[in-house]
PDB file of all heavy atoms in Angstrom:
ATOM      1  N   SER A   1      -1.886 -39.183 -18.953  1.00  0.00           N
ATOM      2  CA  SER A   1      -2.833 -40.179 -19.458  1.00  0.00           C
ATOM      3  C   SER A   1      -3.633 -40.800 -18.316  1.00  0.00           C
ATOM      4  O   SER A   1      -4.637 -41.462 -18.547  1.00  0.00           O
ATOM      5  CB  SER A   1      -2.104 -41.273 -20.243  1.00  0.00           C
ATOM      6  OG  SER A   1      -1.197 -41.955 -19.396  1.00  0.00           O
ATOM      7  N   VAL A   2      -3.183 -40.552 -17.089  1.00  0.00           N
ATOM      8  CA  VAL A   2      -3.868 -41.077 -15.907  1.00  0.00           C
ATOM      9  C   VAL A   2      -4.272 -39.896 -15.040  1.00  0.00           C
ATOM     10  O   VAL A   2      -3.431 -39.254 -14.429  1.00  0.00           O
ATOM     11  CB  VAL A   2      -2.938 -42.018 -15.109  1.00  0.00           C
ATOM     12  CG1 VAL A   2      -3.655 -42.556 -13.892  1.00  0.00           C
ATOM     13  CG2 VAL A   2      -2.413 -43.139 -15.981  1.00  0.00           C
ATOM     14  N   SER A   3      -5.561 -39.604 -15.045  1.00  0.00           N
ATOM     15  CA  SER A   3      -6.040 -38.481 -14.257  1.00  0.00           C
ATOM     16  C   SER A   3      -7.436 -38.770 -13.755  1.00  0.00           C
ATOM     17  O   SER A   3      -8.275 -39.276 -14.490  1.00  0.00           O
ATOM     18  CB  SER A   3      -6.056 -37.205 -15.101  1.00  0.00           C
ATOM     19  OG  SER A   3      -6.687 -36.174 -14.382  1.00  0.00           O
ATOM     20  N   GLY A   4      -7.678 -38.427 -12.505  1.00  0.00           N
ATOM     21  CA  GLY A   4      -9.010 -38.573 -11.939  1.00  0.00           C
ATOM     22  C   GLY A   4      -9.870 -37.350 -12.212  1.00  0.00           C
ATOM     23  O   GLY A   4     -11.031 -37.311 -11.831  1.00  0.00           O
ATOM     24  N   SER A   5      -9.301 -36.378 -12.915  1.00  0.00           N
ATOM     25  CA  SER A   5      -9.996 -35.121 -13.160  1.00  0.00           C
ATOM     26  C   SER A   5     -10.544 -35.063 -14.583  1.00  0.00           C
ATOM     27  O   SER A   5      -9.778 -35.050 -15.551  1.00  0.00           O
ATOM     28  CB  SER A   5      -9.033 -33.956 -12.936  1.00  0.00           C
ATOM     29  OG  SER A   5      -9.596 -32.760 -13.408  1.00  0.00           O
ATOM     30  N   LEU A   6     -11.847 -35.024 -14.703  1.00  0.00           N
ATOM     31  CA  LEU A   6     -12.475 -34.891 -16.011  1.00  0.00           C
ATOM     32  C   LEU A   6     -12.115 -33.556 -16.635  1.00  0.00           C
ATOM     33  O   LEU A   6     -11.894 -33.458 -17.850  1.00  0.00           O
ATOM     34  CB  LEU A   6     -13.996 -35.033 -15.881  1.00  0.00           C
ATOM     35  CG  LEU A   6     -14.790 -34.935 -17.176  1.00  0.00           C
ATOM     36  CD1 LEU A   6     -14.358 -36.013 -18.167  1.00  0.00           C
ATOM     37  CD2 LEU A   6     -16.276 -35.055 -16.886  1.00  0.00           C
ATOM     38  N   GLU A   7     -12.012 -32.514 -15.817  1.00  0.00           N
ATOM     39  CA  GLU A   7     -11.654 -31.187 -16.311  1.00  0.00           C
ATOM     40  C   GLU A   7     -10.264 -31.196 -16.951  1.00  0.00           C
ATOM     41  O   GLU A   7     -10.060 -30.608 -18.017  1.00  0.00           O
ATOM     42  CB  GLU A   7     -11.697 -30.172 -15.171  1.00  0.00           C
ATOM     43  CG  GLU A   7     -11.509 -28.746 -15.613  1.00  0.00           C
ATOM     44  CD  GLU A   7     -12.659 -28.220 -16.460  1.00  0.00           C
ATOM     45  OE1 GLU A   7     -13.797 -28.723 -16.343  1.00  0.00           O
ATOM     46  OE2 GLU A   7     -12.404 -27.307 -17.270  1.00  0.00           O
ATOM     47  N   MET A   8      -9.305 -31.868 -16.327  1.00  0.00           N
ATOM     48  CA  MET A   8      -7.956 -31.949 -16.876  1.00  0.00           C
ATOM     49  C   MET A   8      -7.986 -32.661 -18.223  1.00  0.00           C
ATOM     50  O   MET A   8      -7.348 -32.230 -19.187  1.00  0.00           O
ATOM     51  CB  MET A   8      -7.009 -32.673 -15.919  1.00  0.00           C
ATOM     52  CG  MET A   8      -5.573 -32.729 -16.412  1.00  0.00           C
ATOM     53  SD  MET A   8      -4.469 -33.673 -15.345  1.00  0.00           S
ATOM     54  CE  MET A   8      -4.488 -32.691 -13.870  1.00  0.00           C
ATOM     55  N   LYS A   9      -8.731 -33.743 -18.307  1.00  0.00           N
ATOM     56  CA  LYS A   9      -8.850 -34.510 -19.546  1.00  0.00           C
ATOM     57  C   LYS A   9      -9.452 -33.636 -20.656  1.00  0.00           C
ATOM     58  O   LYS A   9      -8.962 -33.632 -21.788  1.00  0.00           O
ATOM     59  CB  LYS A   9      -9.713 -35.752 -19.299  1.00  0.00           C
ATOM     60  CG  LYS A   9     -10.000 -36.576 -20.520  1.00  0.00           C
ATOM     61  CD  LYS A   9      -8.804 -37.406 -20.909  1.00  0.00           C
ATOM     62  CE  LYS A   9      -9.202 -38.378 -22.014  1.00  0.00           C
ATOM     63  NZ  LYS A   9      -8.296 -38.335 -23.140  1.00  0.00           N
ATOM     64  N   LYS A  10     -10.501 -32.882 -20.340  1.00  0.00           N
ATOM     65  CA  LYS A  10     -11.123 -31.996 -21.329  1.00  0.00           C
ATOM     66  C   LYS A  10     -10.149 -30.925 -21.808  1.00  0.00           C
ATOM     67  O   LYS A  10     -10.104 -30.601 -22.996  1.00  0.00           O
ATOM     68  CB  LYS A  10     -12.365 -31.322 -20.741  1.00  0.00           C
ATOM     69  CG  LYS A  10     -13.553 -32.239 -20.609  1.00  0.00           C
ATOM     70  CD  LYS A  10     -14.731 -31.474 -20.025  1.00  0.00           C
ATOM     71  CE  LYS A  10     -15.946 -32.352 -19.875  1.00  0.00           C
ATOM     72  NZ  LYS A  10     -17.087 -31.609 -19.302  1.00  0.00           N
ATOM     73  N   ARG A  11      -9.383 -30.379 -20.895  1.00  0.00           N
ATOM     74  CA  ARG A  11      -8.411 -29.347 -21.257  1.00  0.00           C
ATOM     75  C   ARG A  11      -7.333 -29.913 -22.176  1.00  0.00           C
ATOM     76  O   ARG A  11      -6.950 -29.274 -23.161  1.00  0.00           O
ATOM     77  CB  ARG A  11      -7.781 -28.749 -20.000  1.00  0.00           C
ATOM     78  CG  ARG A  11      -8.744 -27.885 -19.222  1.00  0.00           C
ATOM     79  CD  ARG A  11      -8.152 -27.354 -17.940  1.00  0.00           C
ATOM     80  NE  ARG A  11      -9.049 -26.385 -17.330  1.00  0.00           N
ATOM     81  CZ  ARG A  11      -8.688 -25.526 -16.404  1.00  0.00           C
ATOM     82  NH1 ARG A  11      -7.449 -25.518 -15.944  1.00  0.00           N
ATOM     83  NH2 ARG A  11      -9.563 -24.676 -15.920  1.00  0.00           N
ATOM     84  N   GLN A  12      -6.841 -31.091 -21.837  1.00  0.00           N
ATOM     85  CA  GLN A  12      -5.829 -31.739 -22.674  1.00  0.00           C
ATOM     86  C   GLN A  12      -6.392 -32.001 -24.072  1.00  0.00           C
ATOM     87  O   GLN A  12      -5.725 -31.716 -25.076  1.00  0.00           O
ATOM     88  CB  GLN A  12      -5.357 -33.044 -22.023  1.00  0.00           C
ATOM     89  CG  GLN A  12      -4.596 -32.815 -20.750  1.00  0.00           C
ATOM     90  CD  GLN A  12      -4.260 -34.075 -19.963  1.00  0.00           C
ATOM     91  OE1 GLN A  12      -3.431 -34.011 -19.086  1.00  0.00           O
ATOM     92  NE2 GLN A  12      -4.880 -35.206 -20.230  1.00  0.00           N
ATOM     93  N   ASP A  13      -7.596 -32.537 -24.134  1.00  0.00           N
ATOM     94  CA  ASP A  13      -8.228 -32.834 -25.416  1.00  0.00           C
ATOM     95  C   ASP A  13      -8.431 -31.566 -26.243  1.00  0.00           C
ATOM     96  O   ASP A  13      -8.264 -31.575 -27.462  1.00  0.00           O
ATOM     97  CB  ASP A  13      -9.561 -33.557 -25.217  1.00  0.00           C
ATOM     98  CG  ASP A  13      -9.398 -34.980 -24.702  1.00  0.00           C
ATOM     99  OD1 ASP A  13      -8.266 -35.517 -24.748  1.00  0.00           O
ATOM    100  OD2 ASP A  13     -10.410 -35.558 -24.251  1.00  0.00           O
ATOM    101  N   ARG A  14      -8.794 -30.475 -25.592  1.00  0.00           N
ATOM    102  CA  ARG A  14      -9.019 -29.201 -26.292  1.00  0.00           C
ATOM    103  C   ARG A  14      -7.727 -28.716 -26.941  1.00  0.00           C
ATOM    104  O   ARG A  14      -7.721 -28.287 -28.094  1.00  0.00           O
ATOM    105  CB  ARG A  14      -9.558 -28.164 -25.303  1.00  0.00           C
ATOM    106  CG  ARG A  14      -9.552 -26.747 -25.803  1.00  0.00           C
ATOM    107  CD  ARG A  14     -10.744 -26.417 -26.656  1.00  0.00           C
ATOM    108  NE  ARG A  14     -10.781 -24.978 -26.900  1.00  0.00           N
ATOM    109  CZ  ARG A  14     -11.050 -24.428 -28.060  1.00  0.00           C
ATOM    110  NH1 ARG A  14     -11.382 -25.182 -29.081  1.00  0.00           N
ATOM    111  NH2 ARG A  14     -11.054 -23.132 -28.202  1.00  0.00           N
ATOM    112  N   ILE A  15      -6.629 -28.765 -26.205  1.00  0.00           N
ATOM    113  CA  ILE A  15      -5.339 -28.323 -26.752  1.00  0.00           C
ATOM    114  C   ILE A  15      -4.956 -29.169 -27.958  1.00  0.00           C
ATOM    115  O   ILE A  15      -4.592 -28.644 -29.015  1.00  0.00           O
ATOM    116  CB  ILE A  15      -4.236 -28.365 -25.676  1.00  0.00           C
ATOM    117  CG1 ILE A  15      -4.496 -27.284 -24.630  1.00  0.00           C
ATOM    118  CG2 ILE A  15      -2.853 -28.190 -26.307  1.00  0.00           C
ATOM    119  CD1 ILE A  15      -3.596 -27.374 -23.410  1.00  0.00           C
ATOM    120  N   ILE A  16      -5.067 -30.471 -27.819  1.00  0.00           N
ATOM    121  CA  ILE A  16      -4.704 -31.388 -28.908  1.00  0.00           C
ATOM    122  C   ILE A  16      -5.595 -31.142 -30.120  1.00  0.00           C
ATOM    123  O   ILE A  16      -5.122 -31.112 -31.261  1.00  0.00           O
ATOM    124  CB  ILE A  16      -4.783 -32.845 -28.421  1.00  0.00           C
ATOM    125  CG1 ILE A  16      -3.678 -33.104 -27.392  1.00  0.00           C
ATOM    126  CG2 ILE A  16      -4.678 -33.820 -29.589  1.00  0.00           C
ATOM    127  CD1 ILE A  16      -3.856 -34.371 -26.581  1.00  0.00           C
ATOM    128  N   SER A  17      -6.884 -30.942 -29.893  1.00  0.00           N
ATOM    129  CA  SER A  17      -7.828 -30.690 -30.977  1.00  0.00           C
ATOM    130  C   SER A  17      -7.487 -29.417 -31.738  1.00  0.00           C
ATOM    131  O   SER A  17      -7.475 -29.394 -32.975  1.00  0.00           O
ATOM    132  CB  SER A  17      -9.244 -30.614 -30.413  1.00  0.00           C
ATOM    133  OG  SER A  17     -10.164 -30.240 -31.398  1.00  0.00           O
ATOM    134  N   VAL A  18      -7.199 -28.338 -31.018  1.00  0.00           N
ATOM    135  CA  VAL A  18      -6.874 -27.062 -31.661  1.00  0.00           C
ATOM    136  C   VAL A  18      -5.577 -27.175 -32.452  1.00  0.00           C
ATOM    137  O   VAL A  18      -5.506 -26.751 -33.614  1.00  0.00           O
ATOM    138  CB  VAL A  18      -6.787 -25.918 -30.625  1.00  0.00           C
ATOM    139  CG1 VAL A  18      -6.191 -24.656 -31.245  1.00  0.00           C
ATOM    140  CG2 VAL A  18      -8.165 -25.629 -30.045  1.00  0.00           C
ATOM    141  N   LEU A  19      -4.552 -27.747 -31.849  1.00  0.00           N
ATOM    142  CA  LEU A  19      -3.266 -27.877 -32.552  1.00  0.00           C
ATOM    143  C   LEU A  19      -3.419 -28.728 -33.811  1.00  0.00           C
ATOM    144  O   LEU A  19      -2.882 -28.382 -34.867  1.00  0.00           O
ATOM    145  CB  LEU A  19      -2.205 -28.473 -31.625  1.00  0.00           C
ATOM    146  CG  LEU A  19      -1.786 -27.607 -30.437  1.00  0.00           C
ATOM    147  CD1 LEU A  19      -0.784 -28.355 -29.565  1.00  0.00           C
ATOM    148  CD2 LEU A  19      -1.232 -26.266 -30.873  1.00  0.00           C
ATOM    149  N   SER A  20      -4.162 -29.820 -33.710  1.00  0.00           N
ATOM    150  CA  SER A  20      -4.381 -30.695 -34.871  1.00  0.00           C
ATOM    151  C   SER A  20      -5.159 -29.973 -35.959  1.00  0.00           C
ATOM    152  O   SER A  20      -4.819 -30.062 -37.145  1.00  0.00           O
ATOM    153  CB  SER A  20      -5.123 -31.968 -34.453  1.00  0.00           C
ATOM    154  OG  SER A  20      -4.338 -32.737 -33.580  1.00  0.00           O
ATOM    155  N   SER A  21      -6.212 -29.250 -35.568  1.00  0.00           N
ATOM    156  CA  SER A  21      -7.045 -28.569 -36.572  1.00  0.00           C
ATOM    157  C   SER A  21      -6.287 -27.471 -37.301  1.00  0.00           C
ATOM    158  O   SER A  21      -6.603 -27.156 -38.446  1.00  0.00           O
ATOM    159  CB  SER A  21      -8.304 -28.000 -35.926  1.00  0.00           C
ATOM    160  OG  SER A  21      -8.003 -26.903 -35.108  1.00  0.00           O
ATOM    161  N   LYS A  22      -5.286 -26.895 -36.657  1.00  0.00           N
ATOM    162  CA  LYS A  22      -4.488 -25.835 -37.276  1.00  0.00           C
ATOM    163  C   LYS A  22      -3.204 -26.366 -37.904  1.00  0.00           C
ATOM    164  O   LYS A  22      -2.345 -25.593 -38.329  1.00  0.00           O
ATOM    165  CB  LYS A  22      -4.171 -24.751 -36.249  1.00  0.00           C
ATOM    166  CG  LYS A  22      -5.423 -24.019 -35.774  1.00  0.00           C
ATOM    167  CD  LYS A  22      -5.083 -22.830 -34.932  1.00  0.00           C
ATOM    168  CE  LYS A  22      -6.307 -22.038 -34.556  1.00  0.00           C
ATOM    169  NZ  LYS A  22      -6.891 -21.304 -35.667  1.00  0.00           N
ATOM    170  N   ASN A  23      -3.081 -27.705 -37.950  1.00  0.00           N
ATOM    171  CA  ASN A  23      -1.907 -28.357 -38.527  1.00  0.00           C
ATOM    172  C   ASN A  23      -0.601 -27.875 -37.913  1.00  0.00           C
ATOM    173  O   ASN A  23       0.400 -27.689 -38.603  1.00  0.00           O
ATOM    174  CB  ASN A  23      -1.876 -28.174 -40.051  1.00  0.00           C
ATOM    175  CG  ASN A  23      -3.024 -28.887 -40.725  1.00  0.00           C
ATOM    176  OD1 ASN A  23      -3.355 -30.016 -40.372  1.00  0.00           O
ATOM    177  ND2 ASN A  23      -3.660 -28.220 -41.674  1.00  0.00           N
ATOM    178  N   ILE A  24      -0.626 -27.670 -36.605  1.00  0.00           N
ATOM    179  CA  ILE A  24       0.576 -27.267 -35.879  1.00  0.00           C
ATOM    180  C   ILE A  24       1.216 -28.545 -35.319  1.00  0.00           C
ATOM    181  O   ILE A  24       0.582 -29.268 -34.557  1.00  0.00           O
ATOM    182  CB  ILE A  24       0.238 -26.297 -34.734  1.00  0.00           C
ATOM    183  CG1 ILE A  24      -0.368 -25.011 -35.308  1.00  0.00           C
ATOM    184  CG2 ILE A  24       1.472 -25.992 -33.894  1.00  0.00           C
ATOM    185  CD1 ILE A  24      -0.924 -24.058 -34.274  1.00  0.00           C
ATOM    186  N   PRO A  25       2.445 -28.848 -35.740  1.00  0.00           N
ATOM    187  CA  PRO A  25       3.085 -30.068 -35.238  1.00  0.00           C
ATOM    188  C   PRO A  25       3.330 -29.983 -33.737  1.00  0.00           C
ATOM    189  O   PRO A  25       3.722 -28.934 -33.222  1.00  0.00           O
ATOM    190  CB  PRO A  25       4.405 -30.150 -36.009  1.00  0.00           C
ATOM    191  CG  PRO A  25       4.611 -28.834 -36.644  1.00  0.00           C
ATOM    192  CD  PRO A  25       3.302 -28.092 -36.640  1.00  0.00           C
ATOM    193  N   TYR A  26       3.081 -31.083 -33.054  1.00  0.00           N
ATOM    194  CA  TYR A  26       3.280 -31.117 -31.605  1.00  0.00           C
ATOM    195  C   TYR A  26       3.701 -32.511 -31.177  1.00  0.00           C
ATOM    196  O   TYR A  26       3.520 -33.485 -31.897  1.00  0.00           O
ATOM    197  CB  TYR A  26       2.009 -30.693 -30.866  1.00  0.00           C
ATOM    198  CG  TYR A  26       0.833 -31.615 -31.089  1.00  0.00           C
ATOM    199  CD1 TYR A  26       0.596 -32.690 -30.239  1.00  0.00           C
ATOM    200  CD2 TYR A  26      -0.038 -31.416 -32.153  1.00  0.00           C
ATOM    201  CE1 TYR A  26      -0.480 -33.546 -30.457  1.00  0.00           C
ATOM    202  CE2 TYR A  26      -1.106 -32.250 -32.367  1.00  0.00           C
ATOM    203  CZ  TYR A  26      -1.329 -33.316 -31.519  1.00  0.00           C
ATOM    204  OH  TYR A  26      -2.380 -34.159 -31.734  1.00  0.00           O
TER     205      TYR A  26
END
C-alpha cells in the first residue's frame, strides 16, 4: 500500500481488477 513506484501501483490495480471482474475470490 506504500510504494513510490507508479508502475507497481498500476500492476497491483490490474491484478485486482481482473480477479474482481472474473469473480475470483482473493
